[in-house]
Protein backbone atom coordinates (compact mmCIF):
# COMPACT_ATOMS: atom_id res chain seq x y z
CA MET A 1 131.70 337.08 114.69
CA GLY A 2 129.10 336.34 117.56
CA LEU A 3 131.60 334.17 119.13
CA ARG A 4 134.16 337.01 118.89
CA SER A 5 131.59 339.54 120.37
CA THR A 6 131.08 337.15 123.49
CA ARG A 7 134.61 336.66 123.91
CA HIS A 8 135.22 340.45 123.92
CA HIS A 9 132.35 341.01 126.34
CA VAL A 10 133.57 338.40 128.85
CA GLY A 11 137.09 339.67 128.46
CA ALA A 12 135.95 343.35 129.13
CA SER A 13 133.93 342.30 132.06
CA ALA A 14 136.87 340.33 133.78
CA LEU A 15 139.15 343.25 132.71
CA SER A 16 136.82 345.87 134.55
CA HIS A 17 136.75 343.49 137.64
CA LEU A 18 140.60 343.44 137.66
CA LEU A 19 140.61 347.43 137.37
CA GLN A 20 138.57 348.06 140.47
CA TYR A 21 141.27 349.42 142.88
CA ALA A 22 140.84 349.84 146.72
CA GLY A 23 141.63 353.10 148.46
CA PRO A 24 145.30 353.67 149.47
CA ALA A 25 146.59 352.30 152.94
CA PRO A 26 146.96 354.93 155.77
CA ASP A 27 150.49 355.23 155.14
CA HIS A 28 150.11 355.86 151.31
CA ARG A 29 147.40 358.59 151.53
CA LYS A 30 149.85 361.32 151.00
CA ARG A 31 152.29 361.67 147.89
CA ALA A 32 154.49 364.12 146.24
CA CYS A 33 152.73 366.50 143.70
CA PRO A 34 154.69 367.53 140.54
CA CYS A 35 154.36 371.08 141.79
CA GLY A 36 156.78 370.27 144.64
CA HIS A 37 154.13 370.22 147.42
CA THR A 38 152.08 367.32 148.86
CA ALA A 39 148.77 365.68 147.50
CA GLN A 40 146.12 364.27 149.81
CA SER A 41 144.08 361.09 148.83
CA VAL A 42 140.38 362.17 148.34
CA GLY A 43 138.83 359.22 147.39
CA LEU A 44 138.39 357.08 144.19
CA ARG A 45 137.37 358.11 140.91
CA SER A 46 136.08 356.20 137.75
CA LYS A 47 136.96 356.45 134.01
CA THR A 48 136.32 354.35 131.03
CA VAL A 49 139.17 353.09 129.03
CA ILE A 50 138.73 351.54 125.67
CA THR A 51 140.69 348.50 125.21
CA ALA A 52 141.40 345.77 122.66
CA VAL A 53 138.31 343.88 123.89
CA GLY A 54 136.11 347.05 124.14
CA PRO A 55 135.28 349.76 126.99
CA VAL A 56 136.29 348.90 130.55
CA GLY A 57 135.65 350.61 133.63
CA LEU A 58 138.56 351.83 135.81
CA ARG A 59 138.07 352.93 139.38
CA ARG A 60 141.45 354.12 141.19
CA PRO A 61 142.57 356.53 143.98
CA TYR A 62 142.67 360.14 143.32
CA TYR A 63 145.03 362.75 145.08
CA LEU A 64 144.49 366.35 145.15
CA CYS A 65 147.15 369.15 145.98
CA ALA A 66 145.70 372.03 148.00
CA HIS A 67 148.48 374.41 146.62
CA CYS A 68 147.97 374.01 142.92
CA GLY A 69 144.55 372.41 142.82
CA GLU A 70 145.65 369.62 140.60
CA GLY A 71 146.20 365.93 141.47
CA PRO A 72 147.79 362.90 140.14
CA PHE A 73 146.43 359.41 139.59
CA PRO A 74 149.21 356.96 140.15
CA ILE A 75 147.39 354.01 138.73
CA ASP A 76 147.02 355.91 135.21
CA ASP A 77 150.78 356.28 135.16
CA GLU A 78 151.34 352.56 135.92
CA LEU A 79 148.67 351.40 133.29
CA ASP A 80 149.83 354.01 130.82
CA VAL A 81 146.45 355.63 130.42
CA HIS A 82 147.33 358.92 131.80
CA ASN A 83 145.39 361.72 129.78
CA THR A 84 143.99 359.23 127.47
CA ARG A 85 141.00 356.98 127.29
CA THR A 86 142.75 354.34 125.31
CA SER A 87 144.84 351.36 126.45
CA PRO A 88 148.35 350.96 125.45
CA GLY A 89 147.30 347.59 123.43
CA LEU A 90 144.75 349.60 121.65
CA ARG A 91 147.07 352.55 120.86
CA ARG A 92 149.40 350.23 119.48
CA MET A 93 146.63 348.87 117.08
CA LEU A 94 145.63 352.34 116.06
CA ALA A 95 149.12 353.17 115.31
CA ALA A 96 149.33 350.14 112.95
CA VAL A 97 146.14 351.17 110.96
CA GLY A 98 146.32 355.11 111.26
CA PRO A 99 149.41 355.70 109.05
CA GLU A 100 147.98 353.46 106.30
CA ALA A 101 144.66 354.81 105.65
CA PRO A 102 142.45 357.90 106.17
CA CYS A 103 141.38 358.07 109.69
CA ALA A 104 137.77 357.47 108.89
CA ARG A 105 138.64 354.16 107.07
CA ALA A 106 140.91 353.22 109.89
CA SER A 107 137.94 353.68 112.15
CA ARG A 108 135.73 351.30 109.92
CA GLN A 109 138.71 348.69 109.71
CA MET A 110 139.10 348.65 113.49
CA LYS A 111 135.34 347.87 114.00
CA LEU A 112 135.43 345.08 111.12
CA LEU A 113 138.81 343.33 111.92
CA ALA A 114 139.14 344.02 115.67
CA GLY A 115 135.53 344.34 116.59
CA VAL A 116 136.44 347.72 118.61
CA GLU A 117 134.53 351.02 117.98
CA VAL A 118 136.81 353.98 117.83
CA THR A 119 136.15 357.38 116.34
CA ALA A 120 138.17 358.63 113.24
CA LYS A 121 139.39 361.47 115.47
CA GLU A 122 140.65 359.03 118.06
CA VAL A 123 142.69 357.27 115.40
CA GLU A 124 144.02 360.56 114.24
CA ARG A 125 145.07 361.71 117.68
CA THR A 126 146.69 358.21 118.70
CA ALA A 127 148.50 357.89 115.46
CA GLU A 128 149.85 361.46 115.46
CA ALA A 129 150.76 361.23 119.30
CA ILE A 130 152.75 358.15 118.75
CA GLY A 131 154.43 359.67 115.68
CA HIS A 132 155.31 362.62 117.85
CA GLU A 133 157.07 360.44 120.24
CA ILE A 134 159.05 358.62 117.60
CA ALA A 135 159.94 361.93 116.07
CA ALA A 136 161.03 363.45 119.35
CA GLY A 137 163.19 360.39 119.97
CA GLU A 138 164.70 360.71 116.57
CA GLN A 139 165.48 364.32 117.15
CA GLN A 140 167.22 363.43 120.58
CA ALA A 141 169.45 360.94 118.91
CA ARG A 142 170.34 363.61 116.14
CA GLU A 143 171.33 366.05 118.98
CA ARG A 144 173.32 363.48 120.75
CA ALA A 145 175.08 362.77 117.60
CA LEU A 146 176.01 366.49 117.19
CA HIS A 147 177.59 366.74 120.41
CA SER A 148 179.38 363.43 120.67
CA ASP A 149 181.17 360.52 118.74
CA LEU A 150 178.92 358.39 116.86
CA PRO A 151 179.24 354.63 118.00
CA VAL A 152 180.80 352.20 115.55
CA VAL A 153 178.26 350.19 113.85
CA GLY A 154 179.08 346.47 113.67
CA GLY A 155 178.30 343.80 110.95
CA ASP A 156 179.73 343.20 107.39
CA ALA A 157 180.86 346.25 105.42
CA PRO A 158 178.51 346.85 102.61
CA PRO A 159 180.30 346.77 99.17
CA ILE A 160 178.29 349.77 97.76
CA PHE A 161 176.16 352.00 99.94
CA TYR A 162 173.52 354.43 98.35
CA VAL A 163 171.85 357.32 99.62
CA GLN A 164 169.04 358.92 97.55
CA MET A 165 167.21 362.24 98.40
CA ASP A 166 164.11 363.78 96.87
CA GLY A 167 161.26 366.19 97.68
CA THR A 168 157.55 366.14 97.02
CA GLY A 169 154.70 368.66 98.01
CA VAL A 170 152.35 367.80 100.72
CA PRO A 171 149.06 369.86 100.73
CA VAL A 172 148.71 371.87 103.90
CA VAL A 173 146.25 374.19 105.68
CA THR A 174 146.49 377.91 104.77
CA ARG A 175 148.11 379.08 107.85
CA GLU A 176 151.11 376.76 107.04
CA THR A 177 151.84 378.56 103.75
CA ALA A 178 151.55 382.31 104.90
CA GLY A 179 154.14 384.33 102.96
CA ARG A 180 155.20 381.56 100.99
CA GLN A 181 155.36 381.97 97.00
CA GLY A 182 153.68 379.22 94.84
CA LYS A 183 155.00 377.43 91.78
CA MET A 184 153.18 380.17 89.78
CA ALA A 185 154.31 383.81 90.05
CA GLY A 186 151.56 385.83 92.03
CA HIS A 187 149.73 382.88 93.45
CA PRO A 188 150.22 381.57 96.93
CA ALA A 189 151.68 378.24 97.95
CA HIS A 190 149.26 375.48 98.55
CA THR A 191 151.92 372.79 99.61
CA ARG A 192 155.02 372.41 101.57
CA GLU A 193 157.86 370.40 100.56
CA ALA A 194 158.53 367.13 102.46
CA LYS A 195 162.02 365.88 101.91
CA LEU A 196 162.58 362.08 101.82
CA ALA A 197 165.79 359.97 101.98
CA CYS A 198 166.55 356.33 101.62
CA VAL A 199 169.45 354.27 102.06
CA PHE A 200 170.16 350.88 100.65
CA THR A 201 173.08 348.60 99.64
CA GLN A 202 174.21 346.70 96.71
CA THR A 203 176.35 343.65 96.44
CA THR A 204 176.01 342.10 93.15
CA TRP A 205 174.71 342.78 89.63
CA ASP A 206 172.98 340.65 86.88
CA GLU A 207 174.37 338.80 83.97
CA ALA A 208 173.97 341.95 81.78
CA GLY A 209 175.81 343.96 84.27
CA TYR A 210 172.83 345.90 85.70
CA PRO A 211 173.02 346.48 89.53
CA ILE A 212 170.93 344.43 91.85
CA ARG A 213 169.66 346.16 95.34
CA ASP A 214 170.21 344.05 98.18
CA PRO A 215 166.81 342.47 99.43
CA ASP A 216 165.18 344.33 102.40
CA SER A 217 167.94 346.81 102.62
CA THR A 218 166.20 350.03 102.15
CA THR A 219 165.25 352.41 104.91
CA TYR A 220 163.72 355.88 104.83
CA THR A 221 163.74 358.92 106.84
CA GLY A 222 162.11 362.25 106.07
CA GLY A 223 160.25 365.34 107.10
CA ILE A 224 158.79 368.82 106.28
CA GLU A 225 161.97 370.77 107.27
CA PRO A 226 164.83 372.93 105.95
CA ALA A 227 167.64 371.33 104.32
CA GLU A 228 170.07 372.13 107.11
CA GLU A 229 167.89 370.19 109.41
CA PHE A 230 167.42 367.35 107.02
CA GLY A 231 170.97 366.83 106.49
CA PRO A 232 171.79 365.36 109.96
CA ARG A 233 168.75 363.27 109.82
CA VAL A 234 170.00 361.64 106.58
CA TYR A 235 173.58 361.41 107.89
CA LEU A 236 172.46 359.73 111.10
CA GLU A 237 170.32 357.18 109.14
CA ALA A 238 173.17 356.31 106.80
CA TRP A 239 175.70 355.99 109.70
CA ASN A 240 173.52 353.66 111.56
CA ARG A 241 173.22 351.67 108.46
CA GLY A 242 176.92 351.31 108.27
CA SER A 243 177.70 353.94 105.56
CA SER A 244 181.01 354.80 107.14
CA ARG A 245 182.33 351.24 106.46
CA ALA A 246 181.33 351.00 102.87
CA LYS A 247 183.78 350.58 100.17
CA THR A 248 181.80 352.95 97.83
CA GLN A 249 179.38 355.63 98.78
CA VAL A 250 176.98 356.85 96.32
CA VAL A 251 174.57 359.86 96.55
CA MET A 252 171.78 360.34 93.93
CA GLY A 253 169.41 362.87 93.27
CA ASP A 254 167.39 364.71 90.58
CA GLY A 255 169.99 367.58 90.33
CA ALA A 256 168.44 369.96 93.10
CA GLU A 257 171.06 372.23 94.57
CA TRP A 258 170.07 371.35 98.18
CA ILE A 259 170.84 367.63 97.46
CA TRP A 260 174.31 368.36 96.24
CA HIS A 261 174.91 370.78 99.10
CA LEU A 262 174.08 368.04 101.72
CA ALA A 263 176.06 365.47 99.84
CA ASP A 264 179.36 367.76 100.10
CA HIS A 265 178.83 368.43 103.48
CA HIS A 266 177.83 365.02 105.16
CA PHE A 267 179.22 362.65 102.38
CA PRO A 268 182.24 364.27 101.03
CA GLY A 269 184.05 361.31 99.74
CA ALA A 270 180.81 359.84 97.92
CA LEU A 271 180.34 359.46 94.19
CA GLN A 272 177.61 361.82 93.05
CA ILE A 273 175.08 360.66 90.30
CA VAL A 274 172.33 362.63 88.74
CA ASP A 275 169.18 360.62 88.10
CA LEU A 276 169.31 359.82 84.29
CA PHE A 277 165.70 359.88 83.88
CA HIS A 278 165.42 363.36 85.40
CA ALA A 279 168.26 364.70 83.03
CA ARG A 280 166.38 363.13 80.04
CA GLN A 281 163.16 364.88 81.09
CA HIS A 282 165.00 368.18 80.92
CA LEU A 283 165.62 367.30 77.23
CA TRP A 284 162.14 366.44 76.45
CA ASP A 285 160.68 369.59 78.13
CA LEU A 286 163.06 371.74 76.02
CA ALA A 287 162.02 369.72 72.78
CA ARG A 288 158.37 370.65 73.43
CA ALA A 289 159.41 374.29 73.81
CA LEU A 290 161.49 374.09 70.70
CA TYR A 291 158.65 372.27 68.64
CA PRO A 292 155.46 372.97 70.36
CA ASN A 293 153.24 371.87 67.51
CA ASP A 294 155.33 369.03 66.14
CA ASP A 295 155.39 365.68 67.88
CA VAL A 296 157.59 364.21 65.18
CA GLN A 297 160.38 367.04 65.29
CA GLN A 298 160.25 366.97 69.42
CA ARG A 299 160.76 363.25 69.27
CA ARG A 300 163.63 363.36 66.77
CA TRP A 301 165.37 366.18 68.40
CA ALA A 302 164.99 364.77 71.93
CA LEU A 303 166.22 361.25 70.93
CA ARG A 304 169.44 362.66 69.41
CA GLN A 305 170.38 364.76 72.34
CA GLN A 306 169.39 362.02 74.60
CA HIS A 307 171.94 359.73 72.87
CA THR A 308 174.53 362.35 73.60
CA LEU A 309 173.51 362.42 77.20
CA ASP A 310 173.53 358.72 77.72
CA GLY A 311 177.05 358.54 76.30
CA GLY A 312 178.29 360.84 78.95
CA ARG A 313 179.27 363.55 76.36
CA ILE A 314 177.91 366.51 78.37
CA GLU A 315 180.16 368.94 77.23
CA HIS A 316 179.21 368.18 73.58
CA LEU A 317 175.62 368.51 74.70
CA VAL A 318 175.99 371.93 76.23
CA ARG A 319 177.70 373.16 73.06
CA ALA A 320 174.81 371.72 71.05
CA LEU A 321 172.15 373.48 73.22
CA ARG A 322 174.13 376.87 73.19
CA SER A 323 174.25 376.79 69.47
CA ILE A 324 170.42 376.88 69.08
CA ALA A 325 169.08 380.09 67.75
CA PRO A 326 166.18 380.94 69.96
CA ALA A 327 163.04 382.53 68.39
CA HIS A 328 162.14 384.62 71.27
CA ALA A 329 163.43 385.80 74.74
CA GLU A 330 161.30 383.23 76.73
CA LEU A 331 162.87 380.20 74.65
CA ALA A 332 166.29 381.74 75.07
CA ASP A 333 165.95 381.77 78.77
CA LYS A 334 164.93 378.02 78.65
CA ILE A 335 167.79 377.20 76.54
CA ARG A 336 170.17 379.07 78.75
CA THR A 337 168.74 377.36 81.92
CA CYS A 338 168.97 373.89 80.42
CA ALA A 339 172.53 374.27 79.23
CA ALA A 340 173.61 375.55 82.78
CA TYR A 341 171.88 372.45 84.32
CA PHE A 342 173.91 370.09 82.22
CA GLU A 343 176.99 372.04 82.46
CA THR A 344 176.68 372.16 86.39
CA ASN A 345 176.34 368.60 86.75
CA ALA A 346 178.47 367.19 83.97
CA PRO A 347 180.71 365.35 86.67
CA ARG A 348 177.63 363.65 87.82
CA MET A 349 176.62 362.63 84.32
CA ARG A 350 179.23 360.21 83.27
CA TYR A 351 176.82 357.32 82.83
CA PRO A 352 178.93 355.12 80.87
CA GLU A 353 181.62 355.20 83.51
CA PHE A 354 178.84 354.53 86.19
CA ARG A 355 177.70 351.61 84.25
CA ARG A 356 181.22 350.13 84.03
CA GLN A 357 181.25 350.07 87.67
CA HIS A 358 177.94 348.39 87.87
CA LEU A 359 176.24 351.36 89.72
CA PHE A 360 172.61 352.65 89.56
CA VAL A 361 172.11 355.60 87.40
CA GLY A 362 168.44 356.05 88.24
CA SER A 363 166.79 356.93 91.46
CA GLY A 364 163.74 354.88 90.98
CA VAL A 365 163.90 353.84 94.56
CA ILE A 366 163.50 357.28 96.12
CA GLU A 367 160.87 358.09 93.46
CA ALA A 368 158.87 355.01 94.53
CA GLY A 369 159.45 355.99 98.08
CA CYS A 370 158.08 359.52 97.67
CA ASN A 371 154.76 357.66 96.43
CA THR A 372 154.93 354.88 98.96
CA VAL A 373 155.88 356.82 102.00
CA ILE A 374 154.41 360.17 101.53
CA GLY A 375 151.93 360.05 98.55
CA SER A 376 149.88 357.18 99.39
CA ARG A 377 149.02 358.63 102.88
CA LEU A 378 149.72 362.27 103.01
CA LYS A 379 148.50 363.34 99.39
CA GLN A 380 144.94 361.79 99.03
CA SER A 381 142.05 363.88 97.93
CA GLY A 382 140.69 366.38 100.11
CA MET A 383 143.61 366.10 102.55
CA PHE A 384 145.15 369.24 104.08
CA TRP A 385 147.86 368.84 106.88
CA THR A 386 149.52 371.01 109.42
CA VAL A 387 153.29 370.66 109.31
CA ARG A 388 153.20 368.96 112.78
CA GLY A 389 150.66 366.35 111.94
CA ALA A 390 152.31 365.55 108.76
CA ASN A 391 155.64 365.23 110.17
CA ALA A 392 154.06 362.98 112.94
CA ILE A 393 152.49 360.49 110.48
CA LEU A 394 155.74 360.57 108.20
CA ALA A 395 157.83 359.55 111.35
CA LEU A 396 155.33 356.62 112.27
CA ARG A 397 155.22 355.38 108.55
CA CYS A 398 159.14 355.44 108.25
CA CYS A 399 159.49 353.71 111.56
CA GLN A 400 157.01 350.83 110.46
CA LEU A 401 158.29 350.56 106.91
CA ASN A 402 161.95 350.31 108.32
CA GLY A 403 160.82 347.50 110.62
CA ARG A 404 161.52 349.38 113.94
CA PHE A 405 158.08 349.72 115.18
CA GLU A 406 158.36 346.71 117.63
CA GLU A 407 161.85 347.96 118.67
CA TYR A 408 160.32 351.22 119.47
CA TRP A 409 157.18 349.79 121.12
CA GLY A 410 159.44 347.53 123.35
CA ALA A 411 161.58 350.27 124.33
CA ARG A 412 158.64 352.54 125.26
CA ALA A 413 156.99 349.59 127.48
CA ALA A 414 160.28 349.24 129.16
């Protein structure tokens, strides 16, 4: 550690020496100002920049515009330190640790692992700023896709292409939930729904006929946004992954209406499947309402109905539900809602047929994704986000998990 500290000290001294710029030559003492007028050189100014080897001193020419009272630092633009006190290399490091852990912990990790002291606020600002850049680039790509033909994606055609979607609540500051109804009537909302989609491919299945997800084929995209904005996001991610060339497209979800609306609109030829385990959960929830104090009866009833569900006999299940004589009005509403859920989604619940095609019938990939991509970073104890901040971190996390961060950083440097 002592050797590392010495190396950083020597490196910072050498870098500070390199960053002492002379004044501009006589023919470069004037330059265009962003306001449209001319800025005049008024000498040299200094600033401290935190780098991967610690703080260094930067001294460079400053220009002042008499018209607007502002002035550029051309060297800051060249070095990519305009309006920031951190170097590009350090920002790259902060973009790696910031989305993985709370900012205070990331700050401690930087000191321990890199020997660089940065505040938790510096980690937060840097990670969110880079996340905003990534999100803005993705938004521009979606807008271009809406107004022009998408490029043909090369490579081998995936045999089976999956799109899974889900949503999970993210705790937000009070102003982000103004006028929004909470889960309980009469109570304000404390979260905003972050929608997440994952896409992956399947080529084969095991000896028992169960599908096998292709290794390293899963990528994610998500954001806190309305479904009509989320749809193009999912579509573009799927297109870029080759969904249009797949022999079979499958869209999976938990039965939420917005998922099937997006599936119909953006993937009209895809096979739609309701996650089997969510469907089973509806039966178990109803079993608890039917037999609130009898675990044995709950289990017996739920397993019997579950057998019908797993067999794909949804019409039979709906008739069985509607034949129940409710003890009170509240229970009648639960039964009616449950029966309607299965009736509406019957074509998406032909599980024996799906299994014969060696398809997934569970959306475990997106369930795990909600925990990995969103929950592990945005839903820790004591956290409350703005929508803008949460979306920035979510964009950065997806970029990293998708293996595209180096591609982004290389394009940015270019």
